């Protein structure tokens, strides 16, 4: 039997702070736009997994799968840089792991 090539899977966790947000509705508005931009640009899976009821904090988890470990790393590092480039968002923590 032939060997099956394993895919590379990357998991990025971003802990975000929205210092200018004054309500949960405002945070959700900015977060929805950010998530859409990330998905459209990088074609990753993304979900808010913590901070759902907080109006200035959010935890996003992003997953990307490719046949190339290098491509996974390149994409997820670019996602982190893209989020950090938004002046209305502070990245409090960034964890990148491979599965």
Protein backbone atom coordinates (compact mmCIF):
# COMPACT_ATOMS: atom_id res chain seq x y z
CA UNK A 1 0.00 0.00 0.00
CA UNK A 2 1.19 3.52 -0.78
CA UNK A 3 1.81 6.10 1.87
CA UNK A 4 -0.72 8.84 2.39
CA UNK A 5 0.80 12.31 2.44
CA UNK A 6 -0.20 14.22 5.56
CA UNK A 7 -1.46 17.74 5.34
CA UNK A 8 0.04 20.53 7.39
CA UNK A 9 -2.41 22.13 9.84
CA UNK A 10 -1.76 25.42 11.57
CA UNK A 11 -3.69 26.92 14.48
CA UNK A 12 -3.36 30.60 15.38
CA UNK A 13 -4.87 32.03 18.56
CA UNK A 14 -5.16 35.80 18.80
CA UNK A 15 -6.17 37.56 22.01
CA UNK A 16 -7.47 40.96 20.98
CA UNK A 17 -8.29 44.18 22.81
CA UNK A 18 -10.56 46.86 21.35
CA UNK A 19 -9.66 49.92 23.48
CA UNK A 20 -12.00 52.32 21.70
CA UNK A 21 -15.03 50.03 21.93
CA UNK A 22 -17.74 51.32 24.24
CA UNK A 23 -20.29 48.54 23.82
CA UNK A 24 -20.63 44.90 22.89
CA UNK A 25 -22.48 45.94 19.73
CA UNK A 26 -19.56 48.16 18.67
CA UNK A 27 -17.01 45.40 19.29
CA UNK A 28 -19.09 42.88 17.34
CA UNK A 29 -19.38 45.31 14.43
CA UNK A 30 -15.60 45.73 14.19
CA UNK A 31 -14.97 42.04 14.76
CA UNK A 32 -17.42 40.94 12.05
CA UNK A 33 -15.71 43.19 9.52
CA UNK A 34 -12.28 41.96 10.56
CA UNK A 35 -13.29 38.29 10.34
CA UNK A 36 -14.75 38.79 6.85
CA UNK A 37 -11.59 40.56 5.64
CA UNK A 38 -9.40 37.77 7.03
CA UNK A 39 -11.51 35.05 5.42
CA UNK A 40 -11.70 36.83 2.07
CA UNK A 41 -7.97 37.56 1.93
CA UNK A 42 -6.45 34.41 3.44
CA UNK A 43 -9.11 31.70 2.94
CA UNK A 44 -8.85 30.41 6.51
CA UNK A 45 -11.38 29.10 9.01
CA UNK A 46 -11.98 31.52 11.86
CA UNK A 47 -14.10 31.64 15.00
CA UNK A 48 -14.43 33.79 18.10
CA UNK A 49 -14.00 31.34 20.98
CA UNK A 50 -13.77 33.54 24.07
CA UNK A 51 -14.71 37.02 25.18
CA UNK A 52 -18.07 36.78 23.45
CA UNK A 53 -19.83 38.79 26.17
CA UNK A 54 -16.99 41.25 26.79
CA UNK A 55 -17.07 44.58 24.99
CA UNK A 56 -13.30 45.16 24.71
CA UNK A 57 -11.77 41.67 24.49
CA UNK A 58 -12.01 38.81 22.04
CA UNK A 59 -10.19 35.56 21.34
CA UNK A 60 -10.05 34.51 17.70
CA UNK A 61 -8.90 31.09 16.61
CA UNK A 62 -7.80 30.65 13.01
CA UNK A 63 -7.05 27.33 11.30
CA UNK A 64 -5.38 26.80 7.94
CA UNK A 65 -4.67 23.51 6.16
CA UNK A 66 -2.31 23.01 3.24
CA UNK A 67 -0.09 20.30 1.79
CA UNK A 68 2.89 22.54 2.63
CA UNK A 69 4.06 23.37 6.16
CA UNK A 70 5.81 26.45 4.73
CA UNK A 71 2.54 27.71 3.20
CA UNK A 72 0.67 27.19 6.48
CA UNK A 73 3.29 29.14 8.42
CA UNK A 74 3.45 31.92 5.82
CA UNK A 75 -0.33 32.32 5.77
CA UNK A 76 -0.86 32.37 9.52
CA UNK A 77 2.04 34.77 10.12
CA UNK A 78 0.47 37.05 7.47
CA UNK A 79 -2.91 36.84 9.24
CA UNK A 80 -1.28 37.92 12.51
CA UNK A 81 0.48 40.83 10.81
CA UNK A 82 -2.75 41.85 9.06
CA UNK A 83 -4.66 41.98 12.35
CA UNK A 84 -1.82 43.88 14.07
CA UNK A 85 -1.87 46.48 11.28
CA UNK A 86 -5.33 47.67 12.37
CA UNK A 87 -4.84 50.66 14.70
CA UNK A 88 -8.19 50.11 16.46
CA UNK A 89 -7.08 46.65 17.64
CA UNK A 90 -4.35 45.68 20.09
CA UNK A 91 -3.01 42.13 19.89
CA UNK A 92 -2.44 41.08 23.51
CA UNK A 93 -1.23 37.57 22.72
CA UNK A 94 -0.51 35.48 19.65
CA UNK A 95 0.01 31.72 19.76
CA UNK A 96 0.90 29.73 16.65
CA UNK A 97 0.95 25.96 16.76
CA UNK A 98 1.05 23.12 14.28
CA UNK A 99 -1.05 20.01 14.49
